[in-house]
Amino acid sequence: MENGVLINKLGLTDTQTLNVIELRIASLEVDRILKEPLPSSFDLAYHRHLHFQIFHQVYPWAGELRKVDIGKGETLFLPHTQIEAEATRLFSDLASDRFLKECSHEDFCQKAGEYLVRLNHIHPFREGNGRSQRLLISRLAQHAGIQMDWSAVSNESMKRACIEGVMGNIRQMVRLILLNSKP
């Protein structure tokens, strides 16, 4: 970070301008990715690939696992030294759940909420975790024949659901997914 602004490919030194441009670019990339064929597997490499696709035009470190410990407010995320092991465990569990393909809508929402809370706690990237996580869940939903639409979910609602999840209560995250998806 230079002057409190994330190092970026655009040479921007103002956080507000960077945020506006990043959001525009990321939104276009997410829309494009949602139209691509589904992957054969969902794993850490695919999640890193999604992050790279969303942010490669903005950040030189897009798709790279973070190398520092971070938190937001009072929430500390998983230490960076544990990211790879925990993410590997999460995606192994997801594979055991057959990438949620054979779940009912309600079961999908429950399990997706659990995985999203776990992935948020891992927080593998320096920035852009929320968008890459929601995109991953959207791709899992597509794989399961479920339509997911995050557009009505405010940042504040997502933040509260993530904080509750870290504290062991995933009900709010499950509810967000349930209310914003349909079979």
N, C-alpha and C. Protein backbone atom coordinates (compact mmCIF):
# COMPACT_ATOMS: atom_id res chain seq x y z
N MET A 1 0.84 -1.18 0.00
CA MET A 1 0.00 0.00 0.00
C MET A 1 0.88 1.24 0.00
N GLU A 2 0.54 2.11 -0.87
CA GLU A 2 1.24 3.39 -0.93
C GLU A 2 0.23 4.47 -0.60
N ASN A 3 0.52 5.28 0.40
CA ASN A 3 -0.43 6.31 0.85
C ASN A 3 -1.78 5.71 1.23
N GLY A 4 -1.79 4.46 1.71
CA GLY A 4 -3.03 3.82 2.10
C GLY A 4 -3.83 3.27 0.94
N VAL A 5 -3.33 3.37 -0.28
CA VAL A 5 -4.02 2.89 -1.47
C VAL A 5 -3.34 1.59 -1.93
N LEU A 6 -4.17 0.58 -2.20
CA LEU A 6 -3.60 -0.68 -2.67
C LEU A 6 -2.83 -0.47 -3.97
N ILE A 7 -1.69 -1.12 -4.09
CA ILE A 7 -0.90 -1.04 -5.31
C ILE A 7 -1.74 -1.61 -6.44
N ASN A 8 -1.82 -0.84 -7.52
CA ASN A 8 -2.70 -1.23 -8.62
C ASN A 8 -2.03 -0.97 -9.96
N LYS A 9 -2.52 -1.65 -10.99
CA LYS A 9 -1.97 -1.52 -12.34
C LYS A 9 -2.37 -0.21 -13.01
N LEU A 10 -3.35 0.47 -12.44
CA LEU A 10 -3.88 1.67 -13.06
C LEU A 10 -3.13 2.93 -12.63
N GLY A 11 -2.22 2.77 -11.68
CA GLY A 11 -1.44 3.91 -11.20
C GLY A 11 -2.26 4.89 -10.36
N LEU A 12 -3.38 4.44 -9.85
CA LEU A 12 -4.25 5.31 -9.06
C LEU A 12 -3.72 5.46 -7.64
N THR A 13 -3.79 6.68 -7.14
CA THR A 13 -3.31 6.96 -5.79
C THR A 13 -4.41 7.49 -4.89
N ASP A 14 -5.65 7.41 -5.37
CA ASP A 14 -6.81 7.87 -4.61
C ASP A 14 -7.73 6.66 -4.40
N THR A 15 -7.99 6.32 -3.13
CA THR A 15 -8.78 5.13 -2.81
C THR A 15 -10.18 5.20 -3.40
N GLN A 16 -10.83 6.34 -3.33
CA GLN A 16 -12.20 6.46 -3.82
C GLN A 16 -12.26 6.19 -5.33
N THR A 17 -11.35 6.76 -6.08
CA THR A 17 -11.31 6.54 -7.53
C THR A 17 -11.01 5.08 -7.83
N LEU A 18 -10.05 4.51 -7.11
CA LEU A 18 -9.71 3.10 -7.31
C LEU A 18 -10.92 2.22 -7.05
N ASN A 19 -11.66 2.48 -5.97
CA ASN A 19 -12.83 1.67 -5.64
C ASN A 19 -13.90 1.73 -6.73
N VAL A 20 -14.14 2.92 -7.28
CA VAL A 20 -15.15 3.08 -8.33
C VAL A 20 -14.75 2.31 -9.59
N ILE A 21 -13.52 2.48 -10.01
CA ILE A 21 -13.06 1.82 -11.23
C ILE A 21 -12.97 0.31 -11.03
N GLU A 22 -12.46 -0.11 -9.87
CA GLU A 22 -12.37 -1.53 -9.57
C GLU A 22 -13.75 -2.18 -9.62
N LEU A 23 -14.75 -1.53 -9.04
CA LEU A 23 -16.11 -2.06 -9.02
C LEU A 23 -16.66 -2.22 -10.44
N ARG A 24 -16.44 -1.24 -11.28
CA ARG A 24 -16.92 -1.31 -12.68
C ARG A 24 -16.26 -2.49 -13.41
N ILE A 25 -14.97 -2.57 -13.31
CA ILE A 25 -14.24 -3.64 -14.00
C ILE A 25 -14.64 -5.00 -13.45
N ALA A 26 -14.68 -5.12 -12.12
CA ALA A 26 -15.02 -6.40 -11.49
C ALA A 26 -16.43 -6.85 -11.86
N SER A 27 -17.37 -5.92 -11.91
CA SER A 27 -18.75 -6.26 -12.27
C SER A 27 -18.83 -6.81 -13.68
N LEU A 28 -18.13 -6.20 -14.60
CA LEU A 28 -18.11 -6.69 -15.98
C LEU A 28 -17.48 -8.08 -16.06
N GLU A 29 -16.41 -8.27 -15.33
CA GLU A 29 -15.75 -9.57 -15.33
C GLU A 29 -16.63 -10.67 -14.73
N VAL A 30 -17.31 -10.37 -13.62
CA VAL A 30 -18.20 -11.35 -13.00
C VAL A 30 -19.30 -11.75 -13.97
N ASP A 31 -19.91 -10.77 -14.64
CA ASP A 31 -20.96 -11.06 -15.62
C ASP A 31 -20.42 -11.96 -16.73
N ARG A 32 -19.22 -11.69 -17.18
CA ARG A 32 -18.60 -12.51 -18.24
C ARG A 32 -18.35 -13.93 -17.74
N ILE A 33 -17.81 -14.06 -16.56
CA ILE A 33 -17.47 -15.38 -16.00
C ILE A 33 -18.72 -16.24 -15.82
N LEU A 34 -19.82 -15.63 -15.41
CA LEU A 34 -21.06 -16.38 -15.19
C LEU A 34 -21.61 -17.00 -16.48
N LYS A 35 -21.14 -16.53 -17.63
CA LYS A 35 -21.58 -17.07 -18.92
C LYS A 35 -20.63 -18.15 -19.45
N GLU A 36 -19.51 -18.34 -18.78
CA GLU A 36 -18.53 -19.34 -19.22
C GLU A 36 -19.02 -20.75 -18.87
N PRO A 37 -18.49 -21.76 -19.56
CA PRO A 37 -18.81 -23.14 -19.17
C PRO A 37 -18.34 -23.40 -17.74
N LEU A 38 -19.05 -24.28 -17.05
CA LEU A 38 -18.69 -24.61 -15.67
C LEU A 38 -17.41 -25.43 -15.63
N PRO A 39 -16.66 -25.30 -14.54
CA PRO A 39 -15.45 -26.12 -14.40
C PRO A 39 -15.83 -27.56 -14.07
N SER A 40 -14.89 -28.47 -14.25
CA SER A 40 -15.15 -29.87 -13.89
C SER A 40 -14.96 -30.08 -12.39
N SER A 41 -14.25 -29.15 -11.75
CA SER A 41 -13.98 -29.28 -10.33
C SER A 41 -13.90 -27.90 -9.68
N PHE A 42 -14.25 -27.85 -8.42
CA PHE A 42 -14.14 -26.61 -7.65
C PHE A 42 -13.07 -26.85 -6.59
N ASP A 43 -11.97 -26.11 -6.69
CA ASP A 43 -10.87 -26.28 -5.74
C ASP A 43 -10.19 -24.93 -5.54
N LEU A 44 -9.13 -24.93 -4.76
CA LEU A 44 -8.42 -23.68 -4.48
C LEU A 44 -7.87 -23.08 -5.77
N ALA A 45 -7.37 -23.90 -6.66
CA ALA A 45 -6.84 -23.38 -7.92
C ALA A 45 -7.95 -22.65 -8.71
N TYR A 46 -9.15 -23.23 -8.71
CA TYR A 46 -10.26 -22.57 -9.41
C TYR A 46 -10.65 -21.28 -8.72
N HIS A 47 -10.67 -21.27 -7.39
CA HIS A 47 -11.01 -20.04 -6.67
C HIS A 47 -9.96 -18.96 -6.95
N ARG A 48 -8.71 -19.34 -6.98
CA ARG A 48 -7.65 -18.38 -7.31
C ARG A 48 -7.83 -17.87 -8.74
N HIS A 49 -8.22 -18.77 -9.64
CA HIS A 49 -8.46 -18.40 -11.03
C HIS A 49 -9.60 -17.38 -11.13
N LEU A 50 -10.69 -17.62 -10.38
CA LEU A 50 -11.80 -16.67 -10.37
C LEU A 50 -11.34 -15.30 -9.89
N HIS A 51 -10.59 -15.28 -8.80
CA HIS A 51 -10.08 -14.01 -8.26
C HIS A 51 -9.21 -13.31 -9.30
N PHE A 52 -8.37 -14.08 -9.95
CA PHE A 52 -7.51 -13.50 -11.00
C PHE A 52 -8.35 -12.90 -12.11
N GLN A 53 -9.35 -13.66 -12.59
CA GLN A 53 -10.19 -13.16 -13.68
C GLN A 53 -10.91 -11.87 -13.30
N ILE A 54 -11.40 -11.81 -12.09
CA ILE A 54 -12.13 -10.61 -11.65
C ILE A 54 -11.21 -9.40 -11.56
N PHE A 55 -10.00 -9.57 -11.05
CA PHE A 55 -9.18 -8.43 -10.65
C PHE A 55 -7.87 -8.26 -11.44
N HIS A 56 -7.59 -9.09 -12.43
CA HIS A 56 -6.28 -9.01 -13.10
C HIS A 56 -6.03 -7.69 -13.81
N GLN A 57 -7.07 -6.99 -14.19
CA GLN A 57 -6.88 -5.70 -14.87
C GLN A 57 -6.54 -4.59 -13.87
N VAL A 58 -6.79 -4.85 -12.60
CA VAL A 58 -6.61 -3.80 -11.59
C VAL A 58 -5.38 -4.04 -10.70
N TYR A 59 -5.20 -5.29 -10.24
CA TYR A 59 -4.15 -5.57 -9.26
C TYR A 59 -3.10 -6.55 -9.80
N PRO A 60 -1.83 -6.24 -9.60
CA PRO A 60 -0.78 -7.15 -10.06
C PRO A 60 -0.75 -8.46 -9.26
N TRP A 61 -1.35 -8.47 -8.09
CA TRP A 61 -1.36 -9.65 -7.22
C TRP A 61 -2.67 -10.43 -7.30
N ALA A 62 -3.48 -10.16 -8.31
CA ALA A 62 -4.76 -10.86 -8.47
C ALA A 62 -4.53 -12.37 -8.52
N GLY A 63 -5.32 -13.11 -7.77
CA GLY A 63 -5.22 -14.57 -7.75
C GLY A 63 -4.16 -15.11 -6.82
N GLU A 64 -3.35 -14.25 -6.23
CA GLU A 64 -2.30 -14.70 -5.31
C GLU A 64 -2.83 -14.75 -3.88
N LEU A 65 -2.45 -15.78 -3.16
CA LEU A 65 -2.84 -15.89 -1.76
C LEU A 65 -2.13 -14.80 -0.96
N ARG A 66 -2.82 -14.27 0.02
CA ARG A 66 -2.21 -13.18 0.81
C ARG A 66 -1.02 -13.71 1.62
N LYS A 67 -0.10 -12.80 1.87
CA LYS A 67 1.13 -13.14 2.59
C LYS A 67 1.23 -12.39 3.91
N VAL A 68 0.12 -11.81 4.34
CA VAL A 68 0.07 -11.06 5.60
C VAL A 68 -1.20 -11.47 6.34
N ASP A 69 -1.18 -11.27 7.65
CA ASP A 69 -2.37 -11.51 8.45
C ASP A 69 -3.23 -10.25 8.42
N ILE A 70 -4.54 -10.44 8.28
CA ILE A 70 -5.45 -9.30 8.19
C ILE A 70 -6.73 -9.55 8.99
N GLY A 71 -7.46 -8.50 9.21
CA GLY A 71 -8.76 -8.57 9.85
C GLY A 71 -9.57 -7.36 9.45
N LYS A 72 -10.85 -7.41 9.80
CA LYS A 72 -11.74 -6.26 9.58
C LYS A 72 -12.46 -6.00 10.88
N GLY A 73 -12.34 -4.79 11.40
CA GLY A 73 -12.95 -4.49 12.68
C GLY A 73 -12.35 -5.40 13.74
N GLU A 74 -13.22 -6.09 14.45
CA GLU A 74 -12.76 -7.00 15.50
C GLU A 74 -12.59 -8.42 14.99
N THR A 75 -12.87 -8.66 13.71
CA THR A 75 -12.78 -10.00 13.14
C THR A 75 -11.40 -10.23 12.56
N LEU A 76 -10.69 -11.22 13.08
CA LEU A 76 -9.41 -11.61 12.52
C LEU A 76 -9.64 -12.81 11.60
N PHE A 77 -9.01 -12.77 10.44
CA PHE A 77 -9.13 -13.88 9.51
C PHE A 77 -8.03 -14.89 9.80
N LEU A 78 -8.14 -16.03 9.18
CA LEU A 78 -7.17 -17.10 9.39
C LEU A 78 -5.75 -16.59 9.13
N PRO A 79 -4.78 -16.96 9.96
CA PRO A 79 -3.39 -16.55 9.68
C PRO A 79 -2.97 -17.01 8.28
N HIS A 80 -2.22 -16.17 7.61
CA HIS A 80 -1.85 -16.47 6.21
C HIS A 80 -1.10 -17.79 6.06
N THR A 81 -0.40 -18.22 7.09
CA THR A 81 0.35 -19.47 7.01
C THR A 81 -0.56 -20.70 6.97
N GLN A 82 -1.83 -20.53 7.31
CA GLN A 82 -2.77 -21.65 7.34
C GLN A 82 -3.74 -21.67 6.16
N ILE A 83 -3.66 -20.67 5.29
CA ILE A 83 -4.63 -20.54 4.20
C ILE A 83 -4.67 -21.78 3.32
N GLU A 84 -3.53 -22.19 2.82
CA GLU A 84 -3.53 -23.29 1.86
C GLU A 84 -4.08 -24.58 2.46
N ALA A 85 -3.66 -24.92 3.67
CA ALA A 85 -4.12 -26.16 4.31
C ALA A 85 -5.62 -26.12 4.56
N GLU A 86 -6.14 -25.00 5.08
CA GLU A 86 -7.57 -24.91 5.38
C GLU A 86 -8.41 -24.87 4.11
N ALA A 87 -7.93 -24.17 3.11
CA ALA A 87 -8.67 -24.12 1.84
C ALA A 87 -8.68 -25.49 1.18
N THR A 88 -7.58 -26.21 1.25
CA THR A 88 -7.53 -27.57 0.70
C THR A 88 -8.54 -28.46 1.42
N ARG A 89 -8.62 -28.32 2.72
CA ARG A 89 -9.59 -29.10 3.51
C ARG A 89 -11.02 -28.73 3.11
N LEU A 90 -11.30 -27.44 2.98
CA LEU A 90 -12.64 -26.98 2.60
C LEU A 90 -13.04 -27.55 1.23
N PHE A 91 -12.16 -27.44 0.25
CA PHE A 91 -12.51 -27.90 -1.09
C PHE A 91 -12.55 -29.43 -1.17
N SER A 92 -11.82 -30.11 -0.32
CA SER A 92 -11.93 -31.56 -0.22
C SER A 92 -13.31 -31.94 0.32
N ASP A 93 -13.76 -31.22 1.34
CA ASP A 93 -15.11 -31.45 1.89
C ASP A 93 -16.16 -31.16 0.83
N LEU A 94 -15.96 -30.10 0.07
CA LEU A 94 -16.90 -29.75 -0.99
C LEU A 94 -16.96 -30.84 -2.06
N ALA A 95 -15.81 -31.42 -2.39
CA ALA A 95 -15.78 -32.53 -3.35
C ALA A 95 -16.53 -33.73 -2.79
N SER A 96 -16.36 -34.00 -1.50
CA SER A 96 -17.09 -35.10 -0.86
C SER A 96 -18.59 -34.86 -0.91
N ASP A 97 -18.99 -33.60 -0.90
CA ASP A 97 -20.41 -33.23 -1.03
C ASP A 97 -20.83 -33.12 -2.49
N ARG A 98 -20.00 -33.64 -3.38
CA ARG A 98 -20.28 -33.66 -4.83
C ARG A 98 -20.57 -32.27 -5.38
N PHE A 99 -19.86 -31.29 -4.82
CA PHE A 99 -19.97 -29.89 -5.24
C PHE A 99 -21.42 -29.40 -5.17
N LEU A 100 -22.18 -30.00 -4.25
CA LEU A 100 -23.56 -29.62 -3.93
C LEU A 100 -24.54 -29.87 -5.09
N LYS A 101 -24.10 -30.64 -6.07
CA LYS A 101 -24.93 -30.85 -7.27
C LYS A 101 -26.21 -31.61 -6.98
N GLU A 102 -26.21 -32.53 -6.07
CA GLU A 102 -27.37 -33.39 -5.86
C GLU A 102 -28.21 -32.96 -4.65
N CYS A 103 -28.09 -31.72 -4.26
CA CYS A 103 -28.82 -31.21 -3.10
C CYS A 103 -30.17 -30.62 -3.52
N SER A 104 -31.12 -30.71 -2.61
CA SER A 104 -32.35 -29.94 -2.78
C SER A 104 -31.99 -28.47 -2.65
N HIS A 105 -32.90 -27.60 -3.01
CA HIS A 105 -32.64 -26.17 -2.89
C HIS A 105 -32.31 -25.79 -1.45
N GLU A 106 -33.09 -26.29 -0.50
CA GLU A 106 -32.87 -25.97 0.91
C GLU A 106 -31.53 -26.50 1.41
N ASP A 107 -31.20 -27.74 1.02
CA ASP A 107 -29.92 -28.32 1.42
C ASP A 107 -28.76 -27.56 0.78
N PHE A 108 -28.94 -27.17 -0.49
CA PHE A 108 -27.90 -26.37 -1.15
C PHE A 108 -27.65 -25.09 -0.35
N CYS A 109 -28.71 -24.39 0.03
CA CYS A 109 -28.56 -23.12 0.76
C CYS A 109 -27.85 -23.33 2.09
N GLN A 110 -28.22 -24.39 2.79
CA GLN A 110 -27.59 -24.70 4.08
C GLN A 110 -26.10 -24.97 3.90
N LYS A 111 -25.77 -25.86 2.99
CA LYS A 111 -24.36 -26.22 2.79
C LYS A 111 -23.56 -25.08 2.19
N ALA A 112 -24.15 -24.37 1.23
CA ALA A 112 -23.45 -23.23 0.63
C ALA A 112 -23.16 -22.17 1.70
N GLY A 113 -24.11 -21.96 2.61
CA GLY A 113 -23.89 -21.01 3.71
C GLY A 113 -22.73 -21.44 4.59
N GLU A 114 -22.67 -22.74 4.88
CA GLU A 114 -21.56 -23.26 5.70
C GLU A 114 -20.22 -23.05 4.99
N TYR A 115 -20.17 -23.40 3.70
CA TYR A 115 -18.92 -23.26 2.96
C TYR A 115 -18.53 -21.78 2.81
N LEU A 116 -19.50 -20.93 2.58
CA LEU A 116 -19.20 -19.51 2.42
C LEU A 116 -18.64 -18.91 3.71
N VAL A 117 -19.20 -19.29 4.84
CA VAL A 117 -18.69 -18.80 6.12
C VAL A 117 -17.26 -19.31 6.34
N ARG A 118 -17.03 -20.56 6.05
CA ARG A 118 -15.67 -21.11 6.20
C ARG A 118 -14.69 -20.39 5.29
N LEU A 119 -15.08 -20.20 4.04
CA LEU A 119 -14.19 -19.56 3.07
C LEU A 119 -13.93 -18.11 3.45
N ASN A 120 -14.95 -17.44 3.97
CA ASN A 120 -14.75 -16.06 4.41
C ASN A 120 -13.74 -16.00 5.55
N HIS A 121 -13.80 -16.95 6.47
CA HIS A 121 -12.83 -16.96 7.57
C HIS A 121 -11.41 -17.22 7.05
N ILE A 122 -11.29 -18.06 6.05
CA ILE A 122 -9.96 -18.30 5.44
C ILE A 122 -9.46 -17.01 4.80
N HIS A 123 -10.34 -16.30 4.09
CA HIS A 123 -10.03 -15.00 3.49
C HIS A 123 -8.69 -15.04 2.75
N PRO A 124 -8.63 -15.82 1.67
CA PRO A 124 -7.33 -16.09 1.05
C PRO A 124 -6.64 -14.92 0.35
N PHE A 125 -7.38 -13.87 0.02
CA PHE A 125 -6.79 -12.79 -0.77
C PHE A 125 -6.70 -11.49 0.03
N ARG A 126 -5.81 -10.64 -0.41
CA ARG A 126 -5.61 -9.35 0.26
C ARG A 126 -6.85 -8.47 0.16
N GLU A 127 -7.53 -8.52 -0.98
CA GLU A 127 -8.72 -7.72 -1.24
C GLU A 127 -9.59 -8.50 -2.23
N GLY A 128 -10.88 -8.25 -2.22
CA GLY A 128 -11.78 -8.87 -3.19
C GLY A 128 -12.30 -10.24 -2.79
N ASN A 129 -12.16 -10.59 -1.53
CA ASN A 129 -12.62 -11.90 -1.07
C ASN A 129 -14.13 -12.06 -1.23
N GLY A 130 -14.89 -11.06 -0.82
CA GLY A 130 -16.34 -11.16 -0.87
C GLY A 130 -16.85 -11.42 -2.27
N ARG A 131 -16.34 -10.68 -3.23
CA ARG A 131 -16.80 -10.85 -4.61
C ARG A 131 -16.38 -12.20 -5.19
N SER A 132 -15.15 -12.63 -4.90
CA SER A 132 -14.73 -13.93 -5.43
C SER A 132 -15.48 -15.07 -4.74
N GLN A 133 -15.79 -14.91 -3.46
CA GLN A 133 -16.55 -15.94 -2.74
C GLN A 133 -17.98 -16.03 -3.27
N ARG A 134 -18.62 -14.89 -3.46
CA ARG A 134 -19.98 -14.91 -4.00
C ARG A 134 -20.00 -15.48 -5.41
N LEU A 135 -19.00 -15.18 -6.20
CA LEU A 135 -18.92 -15.75 -7.54
C LEU A 135 -18.75 -17.26 -7.47
N LEU A 136 -17.92 -17.73 -6.57
CA LEU A 136 -17.74 -19.18 -6.41
C LEU A 136 -19.06 -19.84 -6.04
N ILE A 137 -19.80 -19.26 -5.09
CA ILE A 137 -21.09 -19.82 -4.70
C ILE A 137 -22.07 -19.76 -5.88
N SER A 138 -22.03 -18.70 -6.66
CA SER A 138 -22.89 -18.60 -7.85
C SER A 138 -22.56 -19.70 -8.85
N ARG A 139 -21.29 -19.99 -9.02
CA ARG A 139 -20.88 -21.05 -9.96
C ARG A 139 -21.31 -22.42 -9.42
N LEU A 140 -21.19 -22.63 -8.10
CA LEU A 140 -21.68 -23.87 -7.50
C LEU A 140 -23.19 -23.98 -7.69
N ALA A 141 -23.89 -22.87 -7.55
CA ALA A 141 -25.34 -22.87 -7.76
C ALA A 141 -25.67 -23.25 -9.20
N GLN A 142 -24.96 -22.67 -10.16
CA GLN A 142 -25.17 -23.03 -11.56
C GLN A 142 -24.96 -24.53 -11.75
N HIS A 143 -23.93 -25.05 -11.14
CA HIS A 143 -23.60 -26.47 -11.22
C HIS A 143 -24.75 -27.33 -10.67
N ALA A 144 -25.44 -26.82 -9.65
CA ALA A 144 -26.53 -27.54 -9.00
C ALA A 144 -27.89 -27.23 -9.63
N GLY A 145 -27.91 -26.40 -10.68
CA GLY A 145 -29.17 -26.06 -11.32
C GLY A 145 -29.98 -25.03 -10.55
N ILE A 146 -29.30 -24.20 -9.77
CA ILE A 146 -29.95 -23.19 -8.94
C ILE A 146 -29.52 -21.81 -9.45
N GLN A 147 -30.47 -20.89 -9.49
CA GLN A 147 -30.17 -19.52 -9.89
C GLN A 147 -29.85 -18.69 -8.65
N MET A 148 -28.75 -18.01 -8.71
CA MET A 148 -28.30 -17.19 -7.58
C MET A 148 -28.22 -15.75 -8.06
N ASP A 149 -28.74 -14.83 -7.27
CA ASP A 149 -28.69 -13.41 -7.62
C ASP A 149 -28.35 -12.61 -6.36
N TRP A 150 -27.14 -12.11 -6.30
CA TRP A 150 -26.65 -11.39 -5.13
C TRP A 150 -27.00 -9.90 -5.18
N SER A 151 -27.63 -9.43 -6.24
CA SER A 151 -27.80 -7.98 -6.43
C SER A 151 -28.61 -7.31 -5.32
N ALA A 152 -29.52 -8.03 -4.68
CA ALA A 152 -30.33 -7.43 -3.61
C ALA A 152 -29.66 -7.51 -2.24
N VAL A 153 -28.48 -8.14 -2.16
CA VAL A 153 -27.80 -8.30 -0.88
C VAL A 153 -26.86 -7.11 -0.66
N SER A 154 -27.15 -6.35 0.37
CA SER A 154 -26.31 -5.18 0.66
C SER A 154 -24.98 -5.62 1.26
N ASN A 155 -24.01 -4.75 1.14
CA ASN A 155 -22.71 -5.03 1.76
C ASN A 155 -22.86 -5.19 3.26
N GLU A 156 -23.74 -4.38 3.86
CA GLU A 156 -23.96 -4.44 5.30
C GLU A 156 -24.56 -5.79 5.71
N SER A 157 -25.54 -6.28 4.95
CA SER A 157 -26.14 -7.59 5.25
C SER A 157 -25.10 -8.70 5.14
N MET A 158 -24.29 -8.63 4.10
CA MET A 158 -23.26 -9.64 3.91
C MET A 158 -22.23 -9.58 5.04
N LYS A 159 -21.85 -8.38 5.42
CA LYS A 159 -20.87 -8.21 6.49
C LYS A 159 -21.41 -8.80 7.80
N ARG A 160 -22.68 -8.49 8.13
CA ARG A 160 -23.27 -9.03 9.35
C ARG A 160 -23.33 -10.55 9.31
N ALA A 161 -23.71 -11.11 8.16
CA ALA A 161 -23.79 -12.57 8.04
C ALA A 161 -22.41 -13.21 8.20
N CYS A 162 -21.38 -12.56 7.67
CA CYS A 162 -20.02 -13.07 7.81
C CYS A 162 -19.55 -13.01 9.26
N ILE A 163 -19.82 -11.91 9.93
CA ILE A 163 -19.42 -11.77 11.33
C ILE A 163 -20.14 -12.81 12.19
N GLU A 164 -21.44 -12.94 11.96
CA GLU A 164 -22.21 -13.96 12.70
C GLU A 164 -21.64 -15.35 12.43
N GLY A 165 -21.28 -15.60 11.19
CA GLY A 165 -20.73 -16.91 10.82
C GLY A 165 -19.43 -17.22 11.54
N VAL A 166 -18.55 -16.23 11.61
CA VAL A 166 -17.28 -16.42 12.32
C VAL A 166 -17.53 -16.73 13.79
N MET A 167 -18.63 -16.18 14.33
CA MET A 167 -18.98 -16.42 15.73
C MET A 167 -19.75 -17.73 15.91
N GLY A 168 -19.93 -18.48 14.82
CA GLY A 168 -20.56 -19.80 14.91
C GLY A 168 -22.03 -19.85 14.55
N ASN A 169 -22.62 -18.73 14.15
CA ASN A 169 -24.03 -18.70 13.78
C ASN A 169 -24.14 -18.47 12.28
N ILE A 170 -24.46 -19.54 11.53
CA ILE A 170 -24.52 -19.41 10.07
C ILE A 170 -25.93 -19.14 9.56
N ARG A 171 -26.90 -19.06 10.45
CA ARG A 171 -28.30 -18.90 10.01
C ARG A 171 -28.50 -17.70 9.09
N GLN A 172 -27.89 -16.58 9.40
CA GLN A 172 -28.07 -15.38 8.59
C GLN A 172 -27.50 -15.58 7.18
N MET A 173 -26.35 -16.25 7.06
CA MET A 173 -25.77 -16.50 5.75
C MET A 173 -26.66 -17.45 4.95
N VAL A 174 -27.14 -18.50 5.60
CA VAL A 174 -28.03 -19.45 4.93
C VAL A 174 -29.28 -18.72 4.44
N ARG A 175 -29.81 -17.85 5.28
CA ARG A 175 -31.02 -17.09 4.92
C ARG A 175 -30.75 -16.19 3.72
N LEU A 176 -29.60 -15.52 3.69
CA LEU A 176 -29.27 -14.67 2.54
C LEU A 176 -29.24 -15.48 1.25
N ILE A 177 -28.65 -16.65 1.31
CA ILE A 177 -28.56 -17.50 0.12
C ILE A 177 -29.96 -17.99 -0.27
N LEU A 178 -30.74 -18.41 0.71
CA LEU A 178 -32.09 -18.91 0.45
C LEU A 178 -32.96 -17.83 -0.19
N LEU A 179 -32.92 -16.62 0.34
CA LEU A 179 -33.76 -15.54 -0.17
C LEU A 179 -33.33 -15.02 -1.53
N ASN A 180 -32.11 -15.31 -1.91
CA ASN A 180 -31.57 -14.75 -3.17
C ASN A 180 -31.21 -15.82 -4.18
N SER A 181 -31.89 -16.96 -4.06
CA SER A 181 -31.70 -18.05 -5.01
C SER A 181 -33.02 -18.73 -5.27
N LYS A 182 -33.07 -19.44 -6.37
CA LYS A 182 -34.26 -20.24 -6.68
C LYS A 182 -33.86 -21.42 -7.55
N PRO A 183 -34.60 -22.53 -7.37
CA PRO A 183 -34.27 -23.73 -8.15
C PRO A 183 -34.61 -23.54 -9.63
